[in-house]
């Protein structure tokens, strides 16, 4: 039995820096080992979060895209900080994808401005506190309005086939045929 001095000694050892810190133990704790105990260190977080699910695209205006998705999850068996800390949003077209934005882990929406006749695809990945990155979400695509596909869409004088006209100039180029 440890006796009436065991709790104060335990508190003193813990607050003074652990076993072997120079705190004298009373005789009642003589059976307790003074060897340092291994610290309880959790294994590193190597598991990525789940992929963002159900990526959706809405167009409130012809030049604005709003993306929303269901949140990702990260295994809760790691000590804080854990969980999803950010979402990376990628956009692309014929030239591949590039990072266009990042939102905090508690936000599951992103707004992008697009050109009127642009076709743009998007996907989202989740990032946890340890830096692990999830698999990408499904890809969603914004298609341009039908007027952009019309053969005879309106165009300016620089697209009219007039030879010698240079965009940005206020006249004909010298020597043009």
N, C-alpha and C. Protein backbone atom coordinates (compact mmCIF):
# COMPACT_ATOMS: atom_id res chain seq x y z
N UNK A 1 0.84 -1.16 0.00
CA UNK A 1 0.00 0.00 0.00
C UNK A 1 0.88 1.22 0.00
N UNK A 2 0.55 2.22 -0.75
CA UNK A 2 1.43 3.35 -0.96
C UNK A 2 1.42 4.32 0.19
N UNK A 3 0.36 4.50 0.90
CA UNK A 3 0.33 5.40 2.05
C UNK A 3 -0.16 6.78 1.68
N UNK A 4 -0.17 7.67 2.73
CA UNK A 4 -0.76 8.99 2.54
C UNK A 4 0.12 9.94 1.75
N UNK A 5 1.40 9.62 1.51
CA UNK A 5 2.30 10.51 0.78
C UNK A 5 2.40 10.19 -0.72
N UNK A 6 1.72 9.16 -1.18
CA UNK A 6 1.88 8.74 -2.58
C UNK A 6 1.33 9.77 -3.56
N UNK A 7 0.16 10.35 -3.31
CA UNK A 7 -0.43 11.32 -4.23
C UNK A 7 0.39 12.60 -4.32
N UNK A 8 0.82 13.21 -3.20
CA UNK A 8 1.65 14.41 -3.32
C UNK A 8 2.97 14.14 -4.03
N UNK A 9 3.55 12.98 -3.82
CA UNK A 9 4.81 12.66 -4.48
C UNK A 9 4.58 12.46 -5.98
N UNK A 10 3.50 11.79 -6.33
CA UNK A 10 3.19 11.58 -7.74
C UNK A 10 2.98 12.93 -8.43
N UNK A 11 2.25 13.83 -7.79
CA UNK A 11 2.03 15.16 -8.36
C UNK A 11 3.35 15.91 -8.48
N UNK A 12 4.20 15.81 -7.50
CA UNK A 12 5.49 16.49 -7.54
C UNK A 12 6.36 15.94 -8.65
N UNK A 13 6.36 14.64 -8.83
CA UNK A 13 7.16 14.02 -9.90
C UNK A 13 6.64 14.46 -11.27
N UNK A 14 5.32 14.47 -11.44
CA UNK A 14 4.75 14.85 -12.73
C UNK A 14 5.03 16.31 -13.06
N UNK A 15 4.85 17.20 -12.08
CA UNK A 15 5.04 18.63 -12.34
C UNK A 15 6.50 19.04 -12.35
N UNK A 16 7.36 18.24 -11.76
CA UNK A 16 8.78 18.59 -11.72
C UNK A 16 9.54 18.01 -12.90
N UNK A 17 8.89 17.33 -13.79
CA UNK A 17 9.59 16.86 -14.98
C UNK A 17 9.73 15.36 -15.08
N UNK A 18 9.01 14.59 -14.30
CA UNK A 18 9.05 13.15 -14.45
C UNK A 18 10.00 12.49 -13.48
N UNK A 19 10.11 11.20 -13.59
CA UNK A 19 10.98 10.43 -12.70
C UNK A 19 12.42 10.78 -12.94
N UNK A 20 13.20 10.77 -11.88
CA UNK A 20 14.61 11.08 -12.00
C UNK A 20 14.87 12.58 -12.11
N UNK A 21 13.93 13.40 -11.64
CA UNK A 21 14.10 14.84 -11.78
C UNK A 21 14.68 15.49 -10.55
N UNK A 22 15.06 14.71 -9.56
CA UNK A 22 15.67 15.27 -8.37
C UNK A 22 14.71 15.38 -7.21
N UNK A 23 13.46 14.92 -7.35
CA UNK A 23 12.50 14.97 -6.27
C UNK A 23 12.70 13.71 -5.43
N UNK A 24 12.88 13.90 -4.12
CA UNK A 24 13.09 12.76 -3.23
C UNK A 24 11.75 12.13 -2.90
N UNK A 25 11.69 10.82 -2.97
CA UNK A 25 10.47 10.10 -2.66
C UNK A 25 10.54 9.61 -1.23
N UNK A 26 9.42 9.66 -0.50
CA UNK A 26 9.43 9.14 0.88
C UNK A 26 9.59 7.62 0.87
N UNK A 27 9.88 7.08 1.99
CA UNK A 27 10.13 5.66 2.13
C UNK A 27 8.92 4.82 1.74
N UNK A 28 7.73 5.40 1.79
CA UNK A 28 6.52 4.64 1.47
C UNK A 28 6.48 4.25 0.00
N UNK A 29 7.23 4.93 -0.87
CA UNK A 29 7.23 4.60 -2.29
C UNK A 29 8.52 3.91 -2.69
N UNK A 30 9.16 3.27 -1.77
CA UNK A 30 10.43 2.64 -2.05
C UNK A 30 10.30 1.52 -3.07
N UNK A 31 9.14 0.92 -3.22
CA UNK A 31 8.96 -0.16 -4.16
C UNK A 31 8.72 0.32 -5.60
N UNK A 32 8.59 1.62 -5.80
CA UNK A 32 8.33 2.15 -7.13
C UNK A 32 9.65 2.34 -7.84
N UNK A 33 9.74 1.91 -9.07
CA UNK A 33 10.97 2.02 -9.85
C UNK A 33 11.24 3.48 -10.20
N UNK A 34 12.50 3.89 -10.13
CA UNK A 34 12.86 5.26 -10.48
C UNK A 34 13.35 5.35 -11.93
N UNK A 35 13.28 4.25 -12.67
CA UNK A 35 13.70 4.26 -14.08
C UNK A 35 12.69 5.08 -14.89
N UNK A 36 13.17 5.84 -15.86
CA UNK A 36 12.25 6.63 -16.67
C UNK A 36 11.30 5.73 -17.47
N UNK A 37 10.05 6.16 -17.52
CA UNK A 37 9.05 5.40 -18.26
C UNK A 37 9.03 5.88 -19.71
N UNK A 38 8.76 4.97 -20.62
CA UNK A 38 8.65 5.41 -22.02
C UNK A 38 7.43 6.31 -22.18
N UNK A 39 7.58 7.37 -22.95
CA UNK A 39 6.45 8.28 -23.14
C UNK A 39 5.46 7.67 -24.13
N UNK A 40 4.22 8.04 -23.96
CA UNK A 40 3.17 7.52 -24.83
C UNK A 40 3.09 8.43 -26.06
N UNK A 41 3.77 8.04 -27.13
CA UNK A 41 3.76 8.81 -28.36
C UNK A 41 2.91 8.08 -29.38
N UNK A 42 1.96 8.81 -29.94
CA UNK A 42 1.09 8.20 -30.95
C UNK A 42 1.84 8.04 -32.25
N UNK A 43 1.51 7.04 -33.02
CA UNK A 43 2.17 6.87 -34.32
C UNK A 43 1.79 8.04 -35.23
N UNK A 44 2.63 8.35 -36.19
CA UNK A 44 2.33 9.47 -37.09
C UNK A 44 1.12 9.16 -37.97
N UNK A 45 0.41 10.21 -38.33
CA UNK A 45 -0.77 10.08 -39.19
C UNK A 45 -0.29 9.90 -40.63
N UNK A 46 -0.48 8.72 -41.17
CA UNK A 46 -0.07 8.45 -42.56
C UNK A 46 -1.26 8.13 -43.45
N UNK A 47 -2.45 8.12 -42.87
CA UNK A 47 -3.65 7.76 -43.64
C UNK A 47 -4.32 9.04 -44.17
N UNK A 48 -4.52 9.13 -45.48
CA UNK A 48 -5.16 10.34 -46.04
C UNK A 48 -6.66 10.37 -45.73
N UNK A 49 -7.24 11.55 -45.80
CA UNK A 49 -8.70 11.63 -45.63
C UNK A 49 -9.43 10.99 -46.81
N UNK A 50 -10.72 10.79 -46.64
CA UNK A 50 -11.52 10.27 -47.74
C UNK A 50 -11.66 11.35 -48.82
N UNK A 51 -11.93 10.94 -50.03
CA UNK A 51 -12.10 11.90 -51.13
C UNK A 51 -13.39 12.70 -50.92
N UNK A 52 -13.38 13.98 -51.26
CA UNK A 52 -14.63 14.74 -51.20
C UNK A 52 -15.67 14.09 -52.11
N UNK A 53 -16.87 13.95 -51.63
CA UNK A 53 -17.91 13.23 -52.38
C UNK A 53 -18.97 14.19 -52.91
N UNK A 54 -19.67 13.73 -53.93
CA UNK A 54 -20.84 14.41 -54.46
C UNK A 54 -20.53 15.86 -54.88
N UNK A 55 -19.47 16.05 -55.65
CA UNK A 55 -19.12 17.38 -56.15
C UNK A 55 -20.21 17.86 -57.10
N UNK A 56 -20.72 19.07 -56.83
CA UNK A 56 -21.80 19.64 -57.64
C UNK A 56 -21.38 21.00 -58.15
N UNK A 57 -21.95 21.39 -59.29
CA UNK A 57 -21.64 22.65 -59.93
C UNK A 57 -22.94 23.40 -60.19
N UNK A 58 -22.95 24.68 -59.85
CA UNK A 58 -24.11 25.54 -60.14
C UNK A 58 -23.59 26.81 -60.79
N UNK A 59 -24.41 27.40 -61.65
CA UNK A 59 -24.06 28.65 -62.33
C UNK A 59 -25.11 29.71 -62.03
N UNK A 60 -24.90 30.51 -60.97
CA UNK A 60 -25.87 31.55 -60.67
C UNK A 60 -25.90 32.66 -61.72
N UNK A 61 -24.77 32.88 -62.40
CA UNK A 61 -24.70 33.84 -63.51
C UNK A 61 -23.89 33.18 -64.62
N UNK A 62 -23.94 33.70 -65.85
CA UNK A 62 -23.20 33.06 -66.95
C UNK A 62 -21.68 33.04 -66.77
N UNK A 63 -21.14 33.88 -65.91
CA UNK A 63 -19.68 33.93 -65.74
C UNK A 63 -19.24 33.53 -64.34
N UNK A 64 -20.09 32.83 -63.60
CA UNK A 64 -19.76 32.43 -62.23
C UNK A 64 -20.14 30.98 -62.02
N UNK A 65 -19.23 30.23 -61.38
CA UNK A 65 -19.45 28.83 -61.05
C UNK A 65 -19.33 28.67 -59.55
N UNK A 66 -20.29 28.00 -58.94
CA UNK A 66 -20.24 27.69 -57.51
C UNK A 66 -20.15 26.18 -57.36
N UNK A 67 -19.08 25.73 -56.73
CA UNK A 67 -18.87 24.30 -56.47
C UNK A 67 -19.24 24.00 -55.02
N UNK A 68 -19.92 22.89 -54.79
CA UNK A 68 -20.20 22.42 -53.44
C UNK A 68 -19.93 20.92 -53.40
N UNK A 69 -19.59 20.42 -52.22
CA UNK A 69 -19.29 18.99 -52.07
C UNK A 69 -19.59 18.56 -50.64
N UNK A 70 -19.69 17.24 -50.45
CA UNK A 70 -19.86 16.67 -49.12
C UNK A 70 -18.50 16.59 -48.46
N UNK A 71 -18.43 16.83 -47.14
CA UNK A 71 -17.12 16.86 -46.47
C UNK A 71 -16.42 15.51 -46.45
N UNK A 72 -15.11 15.58 -46.40
CA UNK A 72 -14.27 14.39 -46.25
C UNK A 72 -14.15 14.05 -44.77
N UNK A 73 -13.73 12.83 -44.50
CA UNK A 73 -13.48 12.43 -43.12
C UNK A 73 -12.04 11.97 -43.00
N UNK A 74 -11.50 12.15 -41.78
CA UNK A 74 -10.14 11.72 -41.48
C UNK A 74 -10.24 10.82 -40.26
N UNK A 75 -9.45 9.76 -40.21
CA UNK A 75 -9.56 8.84 -39.06
C UNK A 75 -9.37 9.59 -37.74
N UNK A 76 -10.28 9.37 -36.77
CA UNK A 76 -10.19 10.10 -35.50
C UNK A 76 -9.24 9.50 -34.49
N UNK A 77 -8.51 8.45 -34.85
CA UNK A 77 -7.66 7.78 -33.87
C UNK A 77 -6.27 8.42 -33.73
N UNK A 78 -6.07 9.61 -34.25
CA UNK A 78 -4.80 10.30 -34.10
C UNK A 78 -5.00 11.47 -33.15
N UNK A 79 -3.96 11.83 -32.39
CA UNK A 79 -4.12 12.93 -31.45
C UNK A 79 -4.28 14.26 -32.19
N UNK A 80 -4.92 15.24 -31.57
CA UNK A 80 -5.06 16.55 -32.22
C UNK A 80 -3.70 17.15 -32.51
N UNK A 81 -3.53 17.95 -33.52
CA UNK A 81 -4.59 18.27 -34.46
C UNK A 81 -4.77 17.15 -35.48
N UNK A 82 -5.99 16.84 -35.75
CA UNK A 82 -6.29 15.85 -36.78
C UNK A 82 -7.53 16.31 -37.52
N UNK A 83 -7.87 15.60 -38.55
CA UNK A 83 -9.03 15.96 -39.33
C UNK A 83 -8.64 16.75 -40.57
N UNK A 84 -9.63 17.03 -41.40
CA UNK A 84 -9.42 17.77 -42.63
C UNK A 84 -9.20 19.25 -42.28
N UNK A 85 -8.10 19.81 -42.75
CA UNK A 85 -7.80 21.21 -42.47
C UNK A 85 -7.99 22.10 -43.68
N UNK A 86 -8.03 21.54 -44.89
CA UNK A 86 -8.21 22.36 -46.09
C UNK A 86 -8.67 21.50 -47.25
N UNK A 87 -9.30 22.17 -48.21
CA UNK A 87 -9.66 21.57 -49.49
C UNK A 87 -8.96 22.36 -50.59
N UNK A 88 -8.31 21.66 -51.51
CA UNK A 88 -7.67 22.29 -52.66
C UNK A 88 -8.59 22.09 -53.87
N UNK A 89 -8.85 23.18 -54.59
CA UNK A 89 -9.73 23.15 -55.75
C UNK A 89 -8.88 23.31 -57.01
N UNK A 90 -9.07 22.40 -57.94
CA UNK A 90 -8.32 22.41 -59.20
C UNK A 90 -9.29 22.65 -60.35
N UNK A 91 -8.81 23.40 -61.35
CA UNK A 91 -9.60 23.63 -62.56
C UNK A 91 -8.71 23.35 -63.76
N UNK A 92 -9.33 22.98 -64.87
CA UNK A 92 -8.54 22.71 -66.05
C UNK A 92 -9.38 22.57 -67.29
N UNK A 93 -8.63 22.42 -68.35
CA UNK A 93 -9.23 22.25 -69.66
C UNK A 93 -8.33 21.38 -70.50
N UNK A 94 -8.06 21.84 -71.70
CA UNK A 94 -7.22 21.05 -72.61
C UNK A 94 -5.77 20.97 -72.15
N UNK A 95 -5.31 21.92 -71.37
CA UNK A 95 -3.90 21.95 -70.96
C UNK A 95 -3.63 21.28 -69.62
N UNK A 96 -4.60 20.62 -69.06
CA UNK A 96 -4.41 19.97 -67.77
C UNK A 96 -5.02 20.80 -66.64
N UNK A 97 -4.81 20.33 -65.41
CA UNK A 97 -5.40 20.96 -64.24
C UNK A 97 -4.35 21.76 -63.48
N UNK A 98 -4.83 22.82 -62.80
CA UNK A 98 -3.96 23.61 -61.93
C UNK A 98 -4.74 24.01 -60.69
N UNK A 99 -4.03 24.23 -59.60
CA UNK A 99 -4.64 24.65 -58.35
C UNK A 99 -5.15 26.08 -58.51
N UNK A 100 -6.44 26.30 -58.25
CA UNK A 100 -6.99 27.65 -58.38
C UNK A 100 -7.42 28.23 -57.04
N UNK A 101 -7.49 27.39 -56.00
CA UNK A 101 -7.90 27.92 -54.71
C UNK A 101 -7.84 26.89 -53.61
N UNK A 102 -7.90 27.41 -52.37
CA UNK A 102 -7.89 26.56 -51.18
C UNK A 102 -8.87 27.17 -50.18
N UNK A 103 -9.69 26.31 -49.58
CA UNK A 103 -10.62 26.77 -48.56
C UNK A 103 -10.37 25.98 -47.28
N UNK A 104 -10.71 26.55 -46.12
CA UNK A 104 -10.52 25.83 -44.85
C UNK A 104 -11.33 24.54 -44.81
N UNK A 105 -10.95 23.65 -43.92
CA UNK A 105 -11.57 22.33 -43.82
C UNK A 105 -13.03 22.34 -43.42
N UNK A 106 -13.50 23.43 -42.83
CA UNK A 106 -14.91 23.49 -42.44
C UNK A 106 -15.79 24.13 -43.51
N UNK A 107 -15.20 24.48 -44.67
CA UNK A 107 -15.93 25.09 -45.78
C UNK A 107 -16.01 24.08 -46.92
N UNK A 108 -17.20 23.88 -47.45
CA UNK A 108 -17.38 22.91 -48.54
C UNK A 108 -18.02 23.57 -49.75
N UNK A 109 -17.58 24.78 -50.06
CA UNK A 109 -18.05 25.49 -51.24
C UNK A 109 -16.94 26.39 -51.76
N UNK A 110 -16.95 26.62 -53.07
CA UNK A 110 -15.94 27.47 -53.71
C UNK A 110 -16.58 28.16 -54.90
N UNK A 111 -16.29 29.44 -55.09
CA UNK A 111 -16.83 30.21 -56.21
C UNK A 111 -15.70 30.58 -57.16
N UNK A 112 -15.94 30.38 -58.45
CA UNK A 112 -14.95 30.69 -59.47
C UNK A 112 -15.59 31.56 -60.54
N UNK A 113 -14.82 32.48 -61.10
CA UNK A 113 -15.26 33.28 -62.25
C UNK A 113 -14.72 32.63 -63.50
N UNK A 114 -15.55 32.55 -64.52
CA UNK A 114 -15.16 31.91 -65.78
C UNK A 114 -15.49 32.83 -66.94
N UNK A 115 -14.80 32.63 -68.04
CA UNK A 115 -15.14 33.34 -69.27
C UNK A 115 -16.46 32.80 -69.80
N UNK A 116 -17.20 33.65 -70.47
CA UNK A 116 -18.53 33.29 -70.95
C UNK A 116 -18.52 32.03 -71.81
N UNK A 117 -17.59 31.92 -72.74
CA UNK A 117 -17.57 30.78 -73.67
C UNK A 117 -16.54 29.72 -73.29
N UNK A 118 -16.16 29.66 -72.02
CA UNK A 118 -15.12 28.71 -71.60
C UNK A 118 -15.74 27.40 -71.11
N UNK A 119 -15.11 26.31 -71.49
CA UNK A 119 -15.44 24.99 -70.94
C UNK A 119 -14.38 24.70 -69.88
N UNK A 120 -14.80 24.48 -68.64
CA UNK A 120 -13.86 24.29 -67.53
C UNK A 120 -14.30 23.07 -66.72
N UNK A 121 -13.32 22.24 -66.33
CA UNK A 121 -13.59 21.09 -65.47
C UNK A 121 -12.95 21.32 -64.12
N UNK A 122 -13.53 20.74 -63.08
CA UNK A 122 -13.06 20.94 -61.70
C UNK A 122 -12.98 19.62 -60.96
N UNK A 123 -12.07 19.57 -59.97
CA UNK A 123 -12.09 18.52 -58.96
C UNK A 123 -11.51 19.09 -57.68
N UNK A 124 -11.76 18.39 -56.55
CA UNK A 124 -11.36 18.85 -55.23
C UNK A 124 -10.63 17.72 -54.51
N UNK A 125 -9.60 18.07 -53.73
CA UNK A 125 -8.93 17.11 -52.85
C UNK A 125 -8.94 17.65 -51.43
N UNK A 126 -8.91 16.74 -50.45
CA UNK A 126 -8.87 17.12 -49.04
C UNK A 126 -7.45 16.98 -48.52
N UNK A 127 -7.09 17.82 -47.56
CA UNK A 127 -5.75 17.80 -46.96
C UNK A 127 -5.94 17.77 -45.44
N UNK A 128 -5.24 16.83 -44.76
CA UNK A 128 -5.37 16.77 -43.30
C UNK A 128 -4.22 17.49 -42.61
N UNK A 129 -4.26 17.52 -41.27
CA UNK A 129 -3.27 18.27 -40.50
C UNK A 129 -1.86 17.73 -40.68
N UNK A 130 -1.72 16.46 -41.00
CA UNK A 130 -0.39 15.87 -41.20
C UNK A 130 0.13 16.08 -42.61
N UNK A 131 -0.67 16.69 -43.48
CA UNK A 131 -0.23 16.93 -44.86
C UNK A 131 -0.62 15.85 -45.84
N UNK A 132 -1.37 14.85 -45.38
CA UNK A 132 -1.83 13.79 -46.28
C UNK A 132 -2.92 14.34 -47.21
N UNK A 133 -2.88 13.92 -48.46
CA UNK A 133 -3.84 14.41 -49.45
C UNK A 133 -4.72 13.25 -49.90
N UNK A 134 -6.02 13.52 -49.99
CA UNK A 134 -6.98 12.47 -50.40
C UNK A 134 -6.90 12.22 -51.89
N UNK A 135 -7.61 11.20 -52.30
CA UNK A 135 -7.83 10.96 -53.73
C UNK A 135 -8.71 12.11 -54.23
N UNK A 136 -8.65 12.41 -55.52
CA UNK A 136 -9.50 13.49 -56.03
C UNK A 136 -10.98 13.10 -56.04
N UNK A 137 -11.81 14.12 -55.96
CA UNK A 137 -13.25 13.90 -56.10
C UNK A 137 -13.56 13.57 -57.55
N UNK A 138 -14.80 13.31 -57.84
CA UNK A 138 -15.21 13.17 -59.23
C UNK A 138 -15.00 14.51 -59.93
N UNK A 139 -14.89 14.47 -61.23
CA UNK A 139 -14.70 15.69 -62.02
C UNK A 139 -16.06 16.18 -62.51
N UNK A 140 -16.30 17.49 -62.35
CA UNK A 140 -17.49 18.11 -62.92
C UNK A 140 -17.04 19.13 -63.96
N UNK A 141 -17.87 19.33 -64.97
CA UNK A 141 -17.50 20.21 -66.07
C UNK A 141 -18.57 21.26 -66.30
N UNK A 142 -18.13 22.49 -66.50
CA UNK A 142 -19.00 23.60 -66.89
C UNK A 142 -18.90 23.72 -68.39
N UNK A 143 -20.04 23.58 -69.08
CA UNK A 143 -20.07 23.71 -70.53
C UNK A 143 -20.53 25.11 -70.90
N UNK A 144 -19.96 25.70 -71.95
CA UNK A 144 -20.36 27.05 -72.35
C UNK A 144 -21.79 27.05 -72.90
N UNK A 145 -22.43 28.23 -72.90
CA UNK A 145 -23.79 28.33 -73.46
C UNK A 145 -23.80 27.99 -74.95
N UNK A 146 -24.96 27.62 -75.46
CA UNK A 146 -25.08 27.21 -76.86
C UNK A 146 -24.72 28.31 -77.83
N UNK A 147 -24.89 29.57 -77.44
CA UNK A 147 -24.56 30.66 -78.35
C UNK A 147 -23.07 30.64 -78.72
N UNK A 148 -22.25 30.09 -77.85
CA UNK A 148 -20.81 30.02 -78.11
C UNK A 148 -20.48 29.00 -79.20
N UNK A 149 -21.39 28.10 -79.51
CA UNK A 149 -21.16 27.07 -80.52
C UNK A 149 -21.74 27.44 -81.87
N UNK A 150 -22.43 28.56 -81.94
CA UNK A 150 -23.09 28.98 -83.17
C UNK A 150 -22.06 29.38 -84.22
N UNK A 151 -22.26 28.97 -85.47
CA UNK A 151 -21.30 29.26 -86.54
C UNK A 151 -21.18 30.75 -86.82
N UNK A 152 -22.27 31.46 -86.72
CA UNK A 152 -22.28 32.87 -87.11
C UNK A 152 -22.40 33.78 -85.90
N UNK A 153 -21.62 33.51 -84.89
CA UNK A 153 -21.69 34.35 -83.71
C UNK A 153 -21.12 35.73 -84.01
N UNK A 154 -21.56 36.73 -83.31
CA UNK A 154 -21.07 38.09 -83.56
C UNK A 154 -19.57 38.18 -83.32
N UNK A 155 -18.90 39.02 -84.06
CA UNK A 155 -17.47 39.21 -83.88
C UNK A 155 -17.10 40.64 -84.24
N UNK A 156 -15.93 41.05 -83.80
CA UNK A 156 -15.47 42.41 -84.04
C UNK A 156 -14.76 42.54 -85.38
N UNK A 157 -14.34 43.76 -85.74
CA UNK A 157 -13.69 43.98 -87.03
C UNK A 157 -12.36 43.25 -87.16
N UNK A 158 -11.68 42.97 -86.05
CA UNK A 158 -10.41 42.25 -86.13
C UNK A 158 -10.62 40.78 -86.47
N UNK A 159 -11.85 40.29 -86.40
CA UNK A 159 -12.16 38.90 -86.75
C UNK A 159 -12.95 38.82 -88.05
N UNK A 160 -13.10 39.93 -88.76
CA UNK A 160 -14.01 39.95 -89.90
C UNK A 160 -13.36 39.53 -91.20
N UNK A 161 -12.08 39.25 -91.20
CA UNK A 161 -11.43 38.82 -92.42
C UNK A 161 -10.80 39.97 -93.20
N UNK A 162 -10.87 41.18 -92.67
CA UNK A 162 -10.24 42.31 -93.35
C UNK A 162 -8.73 42.16 -93.24
N UNK A 163 -8.06 42.10 -94.36
CA UNK A 163 -6.61 41.96 -94.34
C UNK A 163 -5.97 43.27 -93.92
N UNK A 164 -4.93 43.18 -93.15
CA UNK A 164 -4.16 44.35 -92.78
C UNK A 164 -4.59 44.99 -91.49
N UNK A 165 -5.73 44.63 -90.93
CA UNK A 165 -6.16 45.25 -89.68
C UNK A 165 -5.50 44.50 -88.53
N UNK A 166 -4.87 45.24 -87.62
CA UNK A 166 -4.18 44.66 -86.47
C UNK A 166 -4.95 45.03 -85.22
N UNK A 167 -5.35 44.07 -84.42
CA UNK A 167 -6.09 44.39 -83.20
C UNK A 167 -5.32 45.36 -82.33
N UNK A 168 -6.03 46.33 -81.78
CA UNK A 168 -5.39 47.30 -80.90
C UNK A 168 -4.90 48.53 -81.64
N UNK A 169 -4.82 48.48 -82.95
CA UNK A 169 -4.41 49.64 -83.73
C UNK A 169 -5.65 50.39 -84.15
N UNK A 170 -5.50 51.66 -84.47
CA UNK A 170 -6.65 52.47 -84.86
C UNK A 170 -6.68 52.69 -86.36
N UNK A 171 -6.03 51.87 -87.09
CA UNK A 171 -6.06 52.06 -88.54
C UNK A 171 -5.44 50.87 -89.24
N UNK A 172 -5.22 51.07 -90.51
CA UNK A 172 -4.63 50.01 -91.32
C UNK A 172 -3.13 50.02 -91.16
N UNK A 173 -2.55 48.87 -91.21
CA UNK A 173 -1.11 48.74 -91.10
C UNK A 173 -0.50 49.16 -92.44
N UNK A 174 0.58 49.88 -92.36
CA UNK A 174 1.25 50.33 -93.57
C UNK A 174 1.80 49.12 -94.33
N UNK A 175 1.57 49.10 -95.62
CA UNK A 175 2.11 48.04 -96.47
C UNK A 175 1.26 46.79 -96.49
N UNK A 176 0.11 46.81 -95.85
CA UNK A 176 -0.74 45.62 -95.85
C UNK A 176 -1.40 45.44 -97.20
N UNK A 177 -1.60 44.24 -97.60
CA UNK A 177 -2.25 43.96 -98.87
C UNK A 177 -3.71 43.81 -98.73
